[in-house]
Amino acid sequence: MMQPNQRGFRQAQGPSPLAIRTKKYQLDTNTYTRMAMAQVWRKEWPYALIPLALGLAPALIWHSWWWVLLAIVLVLLFVLLRSAQITGVTQMEQSKPLFERLSYEIDQRQILMRRNEREGMNLTWDMIARAVREPDAFVLYLKQGEAPAELAGWRRWIATTFDVPVFLHLPLRIFNSPNDIKLFDSMLRRKSLLPAIEATAGSTPA
């Protein structure tokens, strides 16, 4: 998982004159959990079939309803453990900056997360994997951190497959004007984090 405060808050850089500046906003831990859960289970629900199959496999040889019960218990354990991994992010020290009250300064070089006028932390654009434009917000997903080099085989697969999503949630209401929203949307598209807007169908070529 990406650790956004590896370097921690420090003396903020001077503001860029062309930066998009937002109002202060604090991501609620319940909002994060709800969004992360939806993201994870939308993608990973097929993996719940693995413990289900393991629990039912012995029933092919020894016919008993106990194997059905075992399969259900294994699926419930998988769901509970995965869900606990997601909710645990809100308690981790390295994730605390995601849930502080911050303002943002966004330009072509970076996203500067400001705690106050003196302290800030920057995320460069190469740390962003993708963006999603929702009806009321932008969601910027950070790239997954590298698995430890000593992990190999199935352990490495588990570490990379069952990562926890880390993201910035920027509601449209924190932008100071509709023009700032348009500029930010355009910036994301230029950086290929949002799909480019297709030309209007039926337009007459020059």
N, C-alpha and C. Protein backbone atom coordinates (compact mmCIF):
# COMPACT_ATOMS: atom_id res chain seq x y z
N MET A 1 0.84 -1.20 0.00
CA MET A 1 0.00 0.00 0.00
C MET A 1 0.87 1.24 0.00
N MET A 2 0.50 2.20 -0.79
CA MET A 2 1.22 3.47 -0.82
C MET A 2 1.14 4.12 0.55
N GLN A 3 2.26 4.65 1.02
CA GLN A 3 2.29 5.32 2.31
C GLN A 3 2.46 6.81 2.07
N PRO A 4 1.36 7.60 2.13
CA PRO A 4 1.44 9.00 1.74
C PRO A 4 2.25 9.87 2.67
N ASN A 5 2.54 9.44 3.88
CA ASN A 5 3.33 10.30 4.76
C ASN A 5 4.69 9.69 5.08
N GLN A 6 5.28 8.98 4.10
CA GLN A 6 6.61 8.44 4.32
C GLN A 6 7.59 9.54 4.70
N ARG A 7 7.43 10.69 4.10
CA ARG A 7 8.31 11.81 4.43
C ARG A 7 7.65 12.75 5.43
N GLY A 8 6.36 12.58 5.66
CA GLY A 8 5.65 13.36 6.65
C GLY A 8 5.39 14.79 6.20
N PHE A 9 4.60 15.51 7.01
CA PHE A 9 4.37 16.93 6.74
C PHE A 9 5.65 17.70 7.04
N ARG A 10 5.93 18.67 6.22
CA ARG A 10 7.15 19.45 6.36
C ARG A 10 6.86 20.88 5.92
N GLN A 11 7.89 21.70 5.93
CA GLN A 11 7.72 23.08 5.48
C GLN A 11 7.15 23.10 4.07
N ALA A 12 6.01 23.76 3.91
CA ALA A 12 5.33 23.76 2.62
C ALA A 12 6.11 24.56 1.60
N GLN A 13 6.05 24.13 0.35
CA GLN A 13 6.68 24.86 -0.73
C GLN A 13 5.89 26.13 -1.03
N GLY A 14 6.54 27.07 -1.70
CA GLY A 14 5.85 28.29 -2.09
C GLY A 14 4.73 27.98 -3.07
N PRO A 15 3.60 28.68 -2.97
CA PRO A 15 2.47 28.38 -3.85
C PRO A 15 2.78 28.71 -5.30
N SER A 16 2.31 27.87 -6.19
CA SER A 16 2.42 28.15 -7.61
C SER A 16 1.35 29.17 -8.00
N PRO A 17 1.71 30.19 -8.76
CA PRO A 17 0.70 31.21 -9.11
C PRO A 17 -0.42 30.65 -9.98
N LEU A 18 -0.20 29.51 -10.63
CA LEU A 18 -1.21 28.93 -11.50
C LEU A 18 -1.93 27.75 -10.84
N ALA A 19 -1.69 27.52 -9.56
CA ALA A 19 -2.26 26.36 -8.88
C ALA A 19 -3.76 26.54 -8.67
N ILE A 20 -4.46 25.43 -8.74
CA ILE A 20 -5.87 25.39 -8.36
C ILE A 20 -5.91 25.19 -6.84
N ARG A 21 -6.55 26.09 -6.13
CA ARG A 21 -6.60 26.02 -4.67
C ARG A 21 -8.02 25.66 -4.22
N THR A 22 -8.09 24.80 -3.23
CA THR A 22 -9.39 24.35 -2.74
C THR A 22 -9.63 24.84 -1.32
N LYS A 23 -10.88 24.70 -0.89
CA LYS A 23 -11.21 24.91 0.52
C LYS A 23 -10.73 23.70 1.32
N LYS A 24 -10.72 23.85 2.65
CA LYS A 24 -10.30 22.74 3.49
C LYS A 24 -11.37 21.67 3.52
N TYR A 25 -10.90 20.43 3.62
CA TYR A 25 -11.81 19.29 3.61
C TYR A 25 -11.18 18.15 4.38
N GLN A 26 -12.02 17.40 5.10
CA GLN A 26 -11.55 16.24 5.85
C GLN A 26 -12.35 15.02 5.42
N LEU A 27 -11.63 14.00 4.94
CA LEU A 27 -12.28 12.75 4.54
C LEU A 27 -12.68 11.98 5.79
N ASP A 28 -13.97 11.72 5.93
CA ASP A 28 -14.48 10.97 7.06
C ASP A 28 -14.07 9.50 6.93
N THR A 29 -13.68 8.88 8.05
CA THR A 29 -13.24 7.49 7.99
C THR A 29 -14.37 6.56 7.54
N ASN A 30 -15.61 6.89 7.90
CA ASN A 30 -16.73 6.06 7.48
C ASN A 30 -16.95 6.16 5.96
N THR A 31 -16.73 7.37 5.42
CA THR A 31 -16.85 7.54 3.97
C THR A 31 -15.77 6.75 3.26
N TYR A 32 -14.54 6.82 3.79
CA TYR A 32 -13.45 6.05 3.18
C TYR A 32 -13.78 4.56 3.21
N THR A 33 -14.22 4.06 4.37
CA THR A 33 -14.49 2.63 4.50
C THR A 33 -15.57 2.19 3.52
N ARG A 34 -16.63 2.99 3.41
CA ARG A 34 -17.72 2.64 2.49
C ARG A 34 -17.22 2.58 1.05
N MET A 35 -16.44 3.58 0.64
CA MET A 35 -15.95 3.63 -0.73
C MET A 35 -14.94 2.51 -0.99
N ALA A 36 -14.04 2.26 -0.03
CA ALA A 36 -13.02 1.24 -0.22
C ALA A 36 -13.66 -0.15 -0.27
N MET A 37 -14.65 -0.38 0.59
CA MET A 37 -15.34 -1.67 0.58
C MET A 37 -16.00 -1.91 -0.78
N ALA A 38 -16.69 -0.89 -1.28
CA ALA A 38 -17.36 -1.04 -2.57
C ALA A 38 -16.35 -1.32 -3.68
N GLN A 39 -15.20 -0.62 -3.64
CA GLN A 39 -14.17 -0.82 -4.65
C GLN A 39 -13.60 -2.23 -4.58
N VAL A 40 -13.30 -2.69 -3.39
CA VAL A 40 -12.67 -4.00 -3.22
C VAL A 40 -13.62 -5.13 -3.60
N TRP A 41 -14.84 -5.10 -3.08
CA TRP A 41 -15.73 -6.25 -3.33
C TRP A 41 -16.29 -6.26 -4.74
N ARG A 42 -16.35 -5.09 -5.39
CA ARG A 42 -16.74 -5.08 -6.80
C ARG A 42 -15.71 -5.82 -7.65
N LYS A 43 -14.45 -5.76 -7.24
CA LYS A 43 -13.37 -6.39 -8.01
C LYS A 43 -13.05 -7.80 -7.53
N GLU A 44 -13.19 -8.05 -6.23
CA GLU A 44 -12.64 -9.28 -5.66
C GLU A 44 -13.66 -10.33 -5.27
N TRP A 45 -14.95 -10.09 -5.53
CA TRP A 45 -15.93 -11.09 -5.10
C TRP A 45 -15.64 -12.50 -5.66
N PRO A 46 -15.07 -12.65 -6.88
CA PRO A 46 -14.79 -14.03 -7.35
C PRO A 46 -13.82 -14.79 -6.44
N TYR A 47 -12.94 -14.07 -5.72
CA TYR A 47 -11.99 -14.77 -4.85
C TYR A 47 -12.69 -15.47 -3.69
N ALA A 48 -13.91 -15.03 -3.36
CA ALA A 48 -14.66 -15.71 -2.30
C ALA A 48 -15.03 -17.13 -2.73
N LEU A 49 -14.98 -17.40 -4.03
CA LEU A 49 -15.28 -18.75 -4.50
C LEU A 49 -14.17 -19.74 -4.17
N ILE A 50 -12.95 -19.23 -3.89
CA ILE A 50 -11.83 -20.13 -3.57
C ILE A 50 -12.07 -20.85 -2.25
N PRO A 51 -12.34 -20.13 -1.12
CA PRO A 51 -12.63 -20.87 0.11
C PRO A 51 -13.91 -21.69 0.02
N LEU A 52 -14.87 -21.23 -0.80
CA LEU A 52 -16.09 -22.01 -0.99
C LEU A 52 -15.76 -23.36 -1.64
N ALA A 53 -14.92 -23.34 -2.68
CA ALA A 53 -14.54 -24.58 -3.37
C ALA A 53 -13.73 -25.49 -2.47
N LEU A 54 -12.81 -24.88 -1.66
CA LEU A 54 -12.00 -25.70 -0.76
C LEU A 54 -12.87 -26.40 0.28
N GLY A 55 -13.88 -25.69 0.77
CA GLY A 55 -14.75 -26.30 1.77
C GLY A 55 -15.64 -27.39 1.21
N LEU A 56 -16.05 -27.23 -0.05
CA LEU A 56 -16.96 -28.21 -0.66
C LEU A 56 -16.23 -29.40 -1.28
N ALA A 57 -14.93 -29.25 -1.55
CA ALA A 57 -14.19 -30.31 -2.26
C ALA A 57 -14.30 -31.68 -1.58
N PRO A 58 -14.15 -31.76 -0.24
CA PRO A 58 -14.26 -33.10 0.37
C PRO A 58 -15.62 -33.76 0.17
N ALA A 59 -16.67 -32.95 -0.11
CA ALA A 59 -18.01 -33.51 -0.29
C ALA A 59 -18.09 -34.38 -1.54
N LEU A 60 -17.12 -34.23 -2.45
CA LEU A 60 -17.11 -35.08 -3.63
C LEU A 60 -16.79 -36.53 -3.28
N ILE A 61 -16.12 -36.72 -2.12
CA ILE A 61 -15.75 -38.07 -1.68
C ILE A 61 -16.60 -38.51 -0.50
N TRP A 62 -16.71 -37.64 0.51
CA TRP A 62 -17.48 -37.96 1.70
C TRP A 62 -18.72 -37.06 1.73
N HIS A 63 -19.83 -37.60 1.41
CA HIS A 63 -21.06 -36.81 1.30
C HIS A 63 -21.59 -36.48 2.70
N SER A 64 -21.61 -35.17 3.00
CA SER A 64 -22.12 -34.72 4.29
C SER A 64 -22.44 -33.23 4.21
N TRP A 65 -23.49 -32.84 4.92
CA TRP A 65 -23.84 -31.41 4.99
C TRP A 65 -22.82 -30.61 5.78
N TRP A 66 -21.99 -31.31 6.55
CA TRP A 66 -20.97 -30.59 7.31
C TRP A 66 -19.98 -29.87 6.39
N TRP A 67 -19.74 -30.42 5.22
CA TRP A 67 -18.82 -29.76 4.29
C TRP A 67 -19.43 -28.46 3.76
N VAL A 68 -20.74 -28.43 3.60
CA VAL A 68 -21.41 -27.19 3.18
C VAL A 68 -21.25 -26.14 4.27
N LEU A 69 -21.46 -26.58 5.52
CA LEU A 69 -21.28 -25.65 6.64
C LEU A 69 -19.85 -25.14 6.70
N LEU A 70 -18.87 -26.04 6.50
CA LEU A 70 -17.46 -25.63 6.50
C LEU A 70 -17.19 -24.61 5.40
N ALA A 71 -17.76 -24.84 4.21
CA ALA A 71 -17.55 -23.90 3.09
C ALA A 71 -18.10 -22.52 3.43
N ILE A 72 -19.28 -22.47 4.05
CA ILE A 72 -19.88 -21.19 4.42
C ILE A 72 -19.02 -20.47 5.45
N VAL A 73 -18.51 -21.23 6.43
CA VAL A 73 -17.65 -20.64 7.46
C VAL A 73 -16.37 -20.08 6.84
N LEU A 74 -15.77 -20.81 5.90
CA LEU A 74 -14.54 -20.35 5.26
C LEU A 74 -14.78 -19.06 4.47
N VAL A 75 -15.92 -18.99 3.78
CA VAL A 75 -16.24 -17.77 3.03
C VAL A 75 -16.44 -16.60 3.99
N LEU A 76 -17.15 -16.82 5.09
CA LEU A 76 -17.37 -15.76 6.08
C LEU A 76 -16.06 -15.28 6.67
N LEU A 77 -15.14 -16.21 6.96
CA LEU A 77 -13.83 -15.83 7.49
C LEU A 77 -13.05 -15.00 6.48
N PHE A 78 -13.10 -15.39 5.21
CA PHE A 78 -12.42 -14.63 4.17
C PHE A 78 -12.97 -13.20 4.08
N VAL A 79 -14.30 -13.08 4.10
CA VAL A 79 -14.93 -11.76 4.00
C VAL A 79 -14.59 -10.91 5.22
N LEU A 80 -14.63 -11.51 6.41
CA LEU A 80 -14.34 -10.76 7.63
C LEU A 80 -12.89 -10.31 7.68
N LEU A 81 -11.96 -11.19 7.31
CA LEU A 81 -10.54 -10.83 7.34
C LEU A 81 -10.21 -9.74 6.33
N ARG A 82 -10.78 -9.87 5.12
CA ARG A 82 -10.52 -8.86 4.09
C ARG A 82 -11.13 -7.52 4.49
N SER A 83 -12.33 -7.55 5.05
CA SER A 83 -12.98 -6.31 5.49
C SER A 83 -12.21 -5.67 6.64
N ALA A 84 -11.67 -6.49 7.54
CA ALA A 84 -10.87 -5.95 8.65
C ALA A 84 -9.59 -5.30 8.14
N GLN A 85 -9.02 -5.85 7.07
CA GLN A 85 -7.82 -5.25 6.47
C GLN A 85 -8.13 -3.86 5.95
N ILE A 86 -9.32 -3.70 5.36
CA ILE A 86 -9.71 -2.40 4.82
C ILE A 86 -9.97 -1.39 5.93
N THR A 87 -10.77 -1.79 6.93
CA THR A 87 -11.08 -0.86 8.02
C THR A 87 -9.84 -0.52 8.83
N GLY A 88 -8.85 -1.43 8.85
CA GLY A 88 -7.63 -1.17 9.60
C GLY A 88 -6.82 -0.01 9.06
N VAL A 89 -7.02 0.35 7.79
CA VAL A 89 -6.28 1.47 7.20
C VAL A 89 -6.56 2.76 7.97
N THR A 90 -7.78 2.92 8.45
CA THR A 90 -8.14 4.16 9.16
C THR A 90 -7.40 4.29 10.49
N GLN A 91 -6.82 3.20 10.99
CA GLN A 91 -6.11 3.23 12.27
C GLN A 91 -4.60 3.26 12.11
N MET A 92 -4.10 3.12 10.88
CA MET A 92 -2.67 3.05 10.67
C MET A 92 -2.02 4.42 10.73
N GLU A 93 -0.84 4.48 11.33
CA GLU A 93 -0.13 5.75 11.49
C GLU A 93 0.19 6.39 10.14
N GLN A 94 0.63 5.57 9.16
CA GLN A 94 1.04 6.13 7.88
C GLN A 94 -0.14 6.62 7.04
N SER A 95 -1.36 6.28 7.45
CA SER A 95 -2.54 6.71 6.70
C SER A 95 -3.21 7.95 7.29
N LYS A 96 -2.73 8.43 8.42
CA LYS A 96 -3.39 9.54 9.10
C LYS A 96 -3.55 10.79 8.23
N PRO A 97 -2.57 11.15 7.37
CA PRO A 97 -2.77 12.36 6.56
C PRO A 97 -4.00 12.29 5.66
N LEU A 98 -4.45 11.10 5.29
CA LEU A 98 -5.63 11.00 4.44
C LEU A 98 -6.89 11.47 5.15
N PHE A 99 -6.86 11.49 6.47
CA PHE A 99 -8.07 11.79 7.24
C PHE A 99 -7.94 13.08 8.05
N GLU A 100 -6.93 13.89 7.73
CA GLU A 100 -6.80 15.19 8.38
C GLU A 100 -7.54 16.25 7.57
N ARG A 101 -7.79 17.37 8.23
CA ARG A 101 -8.46 18.49 7.55
C ARG A 101 -7.40 19.24 6.75
N LEU A 102 -7.52 19.19 5.42
CA LEU A 102 -6.48 19.71 4.54
C LEU A 102 -7.09 20.55 3.43
N SER A 103 -6.30 21.47 2.93
CA SER A 103 -6.62 22.13 1.66
C SER A 103 -5.62 21.63 0.62
N TYR A 104 -5.95 21.85 -0.64
CA TYR A 104 -5.12 21.31 -1.73
C TYR A 104 -4.73 22.42 -2.69
N GLU A 105 -3.48 22.36 -3.14
CA GLU A 105 -3.00 23.22 -4.21
C GLU A 105 -2.51 22.31 -5.32
N ILE A 106 -3.12 22.43 -6.48
CA ILE A 106 -2.89 21.47 -7.57
C ILE A 106 -2.36 22.20 -8.79
N ASP A 107 -1.21 21.75 -9.28
CA ASP A 107 -0.69 22.31 -10.51
C ASP A 107 -0.15 21.18 -11.38
N GLN A 108 0.56 21.52 -12.44
CA GLN A 108 1.04 20.51 -13.39
C GLN A 108 2.12 19.61 -12.80
N ARG A 109 2.75 20.04 -11.70
CA ARG A 109 3.85 19.27 -11.12
C ARG A 109 3.41 18.34 -10.01
N GLN A 110 2.43 18.77 -9.22
CA GLN A 110 2.15 18.05 -7.98
C GLN A 110 0.78 18.41 -7.42
N ILE A 111 0.41 17.65 -6.42
CA ILE A 111 -0.75 17.97 -5.58
C ILE A 111 -0.20 18.24 -4.19
N LEU A 112 -0.31 19.46 -3.74
CA LEU A 112 0.20 19.84 -2.43
C LEU A 112 -0.94 19.81 -1.43
N MET A 113 -0.78 18.97 -0.41
CA MET A 113 -1.78 18.82 0.65
C MET A 113 -1.33 19.68 1.82
N ARG A 114 -2.09 20.73 2.12
CA ARG A 114 -1.68 21.68 3.13
C ARG A 114 -2.45 21.49 4.44
N ARG A 115 -1.70 21.31 5.51
CA ARG A 115 -2.31 21.30 6.84
C ARG A 115 -2.53 22.74 7.30
N ASN A 116 -1.57 23.61 7.01
CA ASN A 116 -1.67 25.04 7.32
C ASN A 116 -0.74 25.78 6.37
N GLU A 117 -0.53 27.06 6.61
CA GLU A 117 0.30 27.85 5.70
C GLU A 117 1.76 27.43 5.70
N ARG A 118 2.21 26.79 6.78
CA ARG A 118 3.62 26.44 6.89
C ARG A 118 3.90 24.98 6.57
N GLU A 119 2.93 24.10 6.81
CA GLU A 119 3.18 22.67 6.66
C GLU A 119 2.37 22.09 5.51
N GLY A 120 3.02 21.24 4.74
CA GLY A 120 2.34 20.60 3.63
C GLY A 120 3.06 19.33 3.22
N MET A 121 2.42 18.56 2.40
CA MET A 121 3.01 17.34 1.87
C MET A 121 2.60 17.23 0.41
N ASN A 122 3.55 16.90 -0.44
CA ASN A 122 3.24 16.87 -1.86
C ASN A 122 3.15 15.45 -2.39
N LEU A 123 2.24 15.25 -3.32
CA LEU A 123 2.14 14.03 -4.09
C LEU A 123 2.43 14.39 -5.54
N THR A 124 3.42 13.75 -6.13
CA THR A 124 3.70 14.00 -7.54
C THR A 124 2.73 13.18 -8.38
N TRP A 125 2.52 13.60 -9.62
CA TRP A 125 1.52 12.95 -10.46
C TRP A 125 1.86 11.51 -10.77
N ASP A 126 3.14 11.14 -10.73
CA ASP A 126 3.49 9.75 -11.02
C ASP A 126 3.11 8.81 -9.87
N MET A 127 2.62 9.37 -8.76
CA MET A 127 2.14 8.55 -7.66
C MET A 127 0.65 8.23 -7.80
N ILE A 128 0.00 8.83 -8.80
CA ILE A 128 -1.43 8.62 -9.03
C ILE A 128 -1.61 7.56 -10.11
N ALA A 129 -2.38 6.52 -9.82
CA ALA A 129 -2.59 5.44 -10.79
C ALA A 129 -3.73 5.77 -11.74
N ARG A 130 -4.82 6.30 -11.22
CA ARG A 130 -5.98 6.60 -12.05
C ARG A 130 -6.91 7.54 -11.29
N ALA A 131 -7.85 8.09 -12.01
CA ALA A 131 -8.83 8.99 -11.41
C ALA A 131 -10.23 8.58 -11.86
N VAL A 132 -11.20 8.91 -11.04
CA VAL A 132 -12.60 8.66 -11.36
C VAL A 132 -13.37 9.95 -11.14
N ARG A 133 -14.18 10.32 -12.12
CA ARG A 133 -15.04 11.49 -11.98
C ARG A 133 -16.44 11.01 -11.58
N GLU A 134 -16.82 11.29 -10.35
CA GLU A 134 -18.15 10.95 -9.87
C GLU A 134 -19.05 12.17 -9.99
N PRO A 135 -20.36 12.01 -9.83
CA PRO A 135 -21.26 13.16 -9.97
C PRO A 135 -20.93 14.31 -9.02
N ASP A 136 -20.40 13.99 -7.84
CA ASP A 136 -20.16 15.03 -6.84
C ASP A 136 -18.71 15.12 -6.37
N ALA A 137 -17.79 14.40 -7.02
CA ALA A 137 -16.41 14.40 -6.53
C ALA A 137 -15.46 13.82 -7.57
N PHE A 138 -14.17 14.13 -7.37
CA PHE A 138 -13.08 13.44 -8.06
C PHE A 138 -12.45 12.47 -7.06
N VAL A 139 -12.12 11.28 -7.52
CA VAL A 139 -11.42 10.31 -6.67
C VAL A 139 -10.12 9.95 -7.37
N LEU A 140 -8.99 10.19 -6.68
CA LEU A 140 -7.66 9.91 -7.24
C LEU A 140 -7.06 8.74 -6.48
N TYR A 141 -6.86 7.63 -7.18
CA TYR A 141 -6.31 6.42 -6.57
C TYR A 141 -4.79 6.43 -6.67
N LEU A 142 -4.14 6.24 -5.52
CA LEU A 142 -2.68 6.19 -5.50
C LEU A 142 -2.20 4.84 -5.99
N LYS A 143 -1.00 4.83 -6.58
CA LYS A 143 -0.43 3.58 -7.06
C LYS A 143 -0.12 2.64 -5.90
N GLN A 144 -0.26 1.37 -6.18
CA GLN A 144 0.03 0.35 -5.19
C GLN A 144 1.53 0.30 -4.91
N GLY A 145 1.89 0.19 -3.65
CA GLY A 145 3.29 0.08 -3.29
C GLY A 145 3.89 -1.25 -3.73
N GLU A 146 5.19 -1.29 -3.89
CA GLU A 146 5.88 -2.51 -4.29
C GLU A 146 5.87 -3.53 -3.14
N ALA A 147 5.62 -4.78 -3.48
CA ALA A 147 5.70 -5.84 -2.47
C ALA A 147 7.16 -6.01 -2.04
N PRO A 148 7.41 -6.37 -0.78
CA PRO A 148 8.79 -6.58 -0.32
C PRO A 148 9.54 -7.58 -1.20
N ALA A 149 10.79 -7.31 -1.45
CA ALA A 149 11.59 -8.14 -2.36
C ALA A 149 11.71 -9.58 -1.87
N GLU A 150 11.65 -9.78 -0.53
CA GLU A 150 11.83 -11.14 -0.01
C GLU A 150 10.60 -12.02 -0.23
N LEU A 151 9.47 -11.41 -0.59
CA LEU A 151 8.28 -12.21 -0.85
C LEU A 151 8.35 -12.82 -2.25
N ALA A 152 7.96 -14.07 -2.34
CA ALA A 152 7.96 -14.75 -3.64
C ALA A 152 6.80 -15.73 -3.69
N GLY A 153 6.50 -16.19 -4.90
CA GLY A 153 5.47 -17.21 -5.06
C GLY A 153 4.10 -16.75 -4.62
N TRP A 154 3.40 -17.63 -3.91
CA TRP A 154 2.01 -17.33 -3.52
C TRP A 154 1.93 -16.19 -2.52
N ARG A 155 2.98 -16.00 -1.70
CA ARG A 155 2.97 -14.89 -0.75
C ARG A 155 3.00 -13.55 -1.48
N ARG A 156 3.79 -13.48 -2.54
CA ARG A 156 3.86 -12.24 -3.33
C ARG A 156 2.53 -12.00 -4.04
N TRP A 157 1.91 -13.08 -4.53
CA TRP A 157 0.60 -12.95 -5.19
C TRP A 157 -0.44 -12.40 -4.23
N ILE A 158 -0.45 -12.90 -3.00
CA ILE A 158 -1.41 -12.43 -2.00
C ILE A 158 -1.15 -10.95 -1.68
N ALA A 159 0.12 -10.57 -1.51
CA ALA A 159 0.46 -9.19 -1.15
C ALA A 159 0.05 -8.21 -2.23
N THR A 160 0.17 -8.61 -3.49
CA THR A 160 -0.15 -7.70 -4.59
C THR A 160 -1.63 -7.75 -4.97
N THR A 161 -2.28 -8.91 -4.77
CA THR A 161 -3.68 -9.05 -5.16
C THR A 161 -4.61 -8.44 -4.14
N PHE A 162 -4.31 -8.62 -2.85
CA PHE A 162 -5.21 -8.17 -1.79
C PHE A 162 -4.69 -6.90 -1.13
N ASP A 163 -4.31 -5.96 -1.97
CA ASP A 163 -3.89 -4.64 -1.49
C ASP A 163 -5.14 -3.85 -1.10
N VAL A 164 -4.94 -2.79 -0.32
CA VAL A 164 -6.05 -1.94 0.10
C VAL A 164 -6.00 -0.63 -0.69
N PRO A 165 -7.10 -0.22 -1.31
CA PRO A 165 -7.08 1.02 -2.09
C PRO A 165 -6.86 2.25 -1.21
N VAL A 166 -5.98 3.12 -1.65
CA VAL A 166 -5.73 4.40 -0.98
C VAL A 166 -6.02 5.50 -1.99
N PHE A 167 -6.80 6.48 -1.60
CA PHE A 167 -7.23 7.48 -2.57
C PHE A 167 -7.45 8.84 -1.91
N LEU A 168 -7.41 9.86 -2.76
CA LEU A 168 -7.83 11.20 -2.37
C LEU A 168 -9.25 11.40 -2.86
N HIS A 169 -10.09 11.88 -1.98
CA HIS A 169 -11.49 12.15 -2.32
C HIS A 169 -11.68 13.66 -2.31
N LEU A 170 -11.94 14.24 -3.48
CA LEU A 170 -12.04 15.70 -3.62
C LEU A 170 -13.45 16.05 -4.06
N PRO A 171 -14.35 16.37 -3.13
CA PRO A 171 -15.71 16.75 -3.51
C PRO A 171 -15.70 18.04 -4.35
N LEU A 172 -16.63 18.15 -5.26
CA LEU A 172 -16.70 19.34 -6.11
C LEU A 172 -16.93 20.59 -5.28
N ARG A 173 -17.59 20.45 -4.12
CA ARG A 173 -17.92 21.63 -3.31
C ARG A 173 -16.69 22.30 -2.69
N ILE A 174 -15.54 21.61 -2.67
CA ILE A 174 -14.36 22.27 -2.08
C ILE A 174 -13.64 23.14 -3.09
N PHE A 175 -14.00 23.05 -4.38
CA PHE A 175 -13.39 23.93 -5.38
C PHE A 175 -14.05 25.31 -5.28
N ASN A 176 -13.26 26.32 -5.57
CA ASN A 176 -13.74 27.69 -5.36
C ASN A 176 -14.60 28.23 -6.49
N SER A 177 -14.59 27.57 -7.65
CA SER A 177 -15.41 28.04 -8.76
C SER A 177 -15.62 26.91 -9.76
N PRO A 178 -16.68 26.99 -10.55
CA PRO A 178 -16.87 25.99 -11.62
C PRO A 178 -15.70 25.95 -12.59
N ASN A 179 -15.04 27.08 -12.79
CA ASN A 179 -13.89 27.11 -13.71
C ASN A 179 -12.74 26.25 -13.17
N ASP A 180 -12.54 26.27 -11.84
CA ASP A 180 -11.49 25.43 -11.24
C ASP A 180 -11.80 23.95 -11.46
N ILE A 181 -13.08 23.59 -11.37
CA ILE A 181 -13.48 22.20 -11.61
C ILE A 181 -13.15 21.80 -13.05
N LYS A 182 -13.46 22.69 -14.00
CA LYS A 182 -13.18 22.41 -15.41
C LYS A 182 -11.68 22.29 -15.65
N LEU A 183 -10.90 23.18 -15.01
CA LEU A 183 -9.45 23.13 -15.18
C LEU A 183 -8.87 21.83 -14.63
N PHE A 184 -9.36 21.42 -13.48
CA PHE A 184 -8.87 20.18 -12.88
C PHE A 184 -9.26 18.97 -13.72
N ASP A 185 -10.49 18.96 -14.21
CA ASP A 185 -10.94 17.89 -15.09
C ASP A 185 -10.06 17.81 -16.33
N SER A 186 -9.78 18.97 -16.93
CA SER A 186 -8.93 19.02 -18.12
C SER A 186 -7.51 18.55 -17.81
N MET A 187 -6.99 18.92 -16.63
CA MET A 187 -5.65 18.50 -16.23
C MET A 187 -5.57 16.98 -16.11
N LEU A 188 -6.59 16.36 -15.52
CA LEU A 188 -6.61 14.91 -15.37
C LEU A 188 -6.66 14.21 -16.72
N ARG A 189 -7.40 14.79 -17.66
CA ARG A 189 -7.49 14.19 -18.99
C ARG A 189 -6.17 14.33 -19.75
N ARG A 190 -5.49 15.47 -19.60
CA ARG A 190 -4.20 15.64 -20.27
C ARG A 190 -3.16 14.66 -19.73
N LYS A 191 -3.30 14.31 -18.46
CA LYS A 191 -2.36 13.37 -17.86
C LYS A 191 -2.82 11.93 -18.01
N SER A 192 -3.87 11.72 -18.80
CA SER A 192 -4.40 10.37 -19.11
C SER A 192 -4.90 9.64 -17.87
N LEU A 193 -5.30 10.38 -16.86
CA LEU A 193 -5.90 9.78 -15.66
C LEU A 193 -7.41 9.66 -15.81
N LEU A 194 -7.99 10.48 -16.69
CA LEU A 194 -9.37 10.34 -17.12
C LEU A 194 -9.37 10.17 -18.63
N PRO A 195 -10.36 9.48 -19.17
CA PRO A 195 -10.39 9.31 -20.63
C PRO A 195 -10.57 10.64 -21.33
N ALA A 196 -9.92 10.78 -22.48
CA ALA A 196 -10.04 12.01 -23.26
C ALA A 196 -11.45 12.16 -23.78
N ILE A 197 -11.90 13.39 -23.89
CA ILE A 197 -13.24 13.67 -24.42
C ILE A 197 -13.21 13.49 -25.93
N GLU A 198 -14.09 12.63 -26.42
CA GLU A 198 -14.12 12.37 -27.86
C GLU A 198 -14.74 13.56 -28.61
N ALA A 199 -14.31 13.70 -29.86
CA ALA A 199 -14.86 14.77 -30.69
C ALA A 199 -16.34 14.54 -30.91
N THR A 200 -17.08 15.61 -31.04
CA THR A 200 -18.53 15.50 -31.24
C THR A 200 -18.84 14.75 -32.53
N ALA A 201 -19.71 13.76 -32.41
CA ALA A 201 -20.06 12.93 -33.58
C ALA A 201 -20.75 13.80 -34.62
N GLY A 202 -20.44 13.51 -35.86
CA GLY A 202 -21.10 14.22 -36.96
C GLY A 202 -20.52 15.58 -37.26
N SER A 203 -19.40 15.95 -36.58
CA SER A 203 -18.81 17.26 -36.85
C SER A 203 -18.21 17.26 -38.24
N THR A 204 -18.29 18.36 -38.89
CA THR A 204 -17.81 18.48 -40.27
C THR A 204 -16.32 18.76 -40.28
N PRO A 205 -15.51 17.92 -40.95
CA PRO A 205 -14.06 18.17 -40.96
C PRO A 205 -13.74 19.46 -41.71
N ALA A 206 -12.64 20.11 -41.31
CA ALA A 206 -12.25 21.37 -41.95
C ALA A 206 -11.74 21.10 -43.35
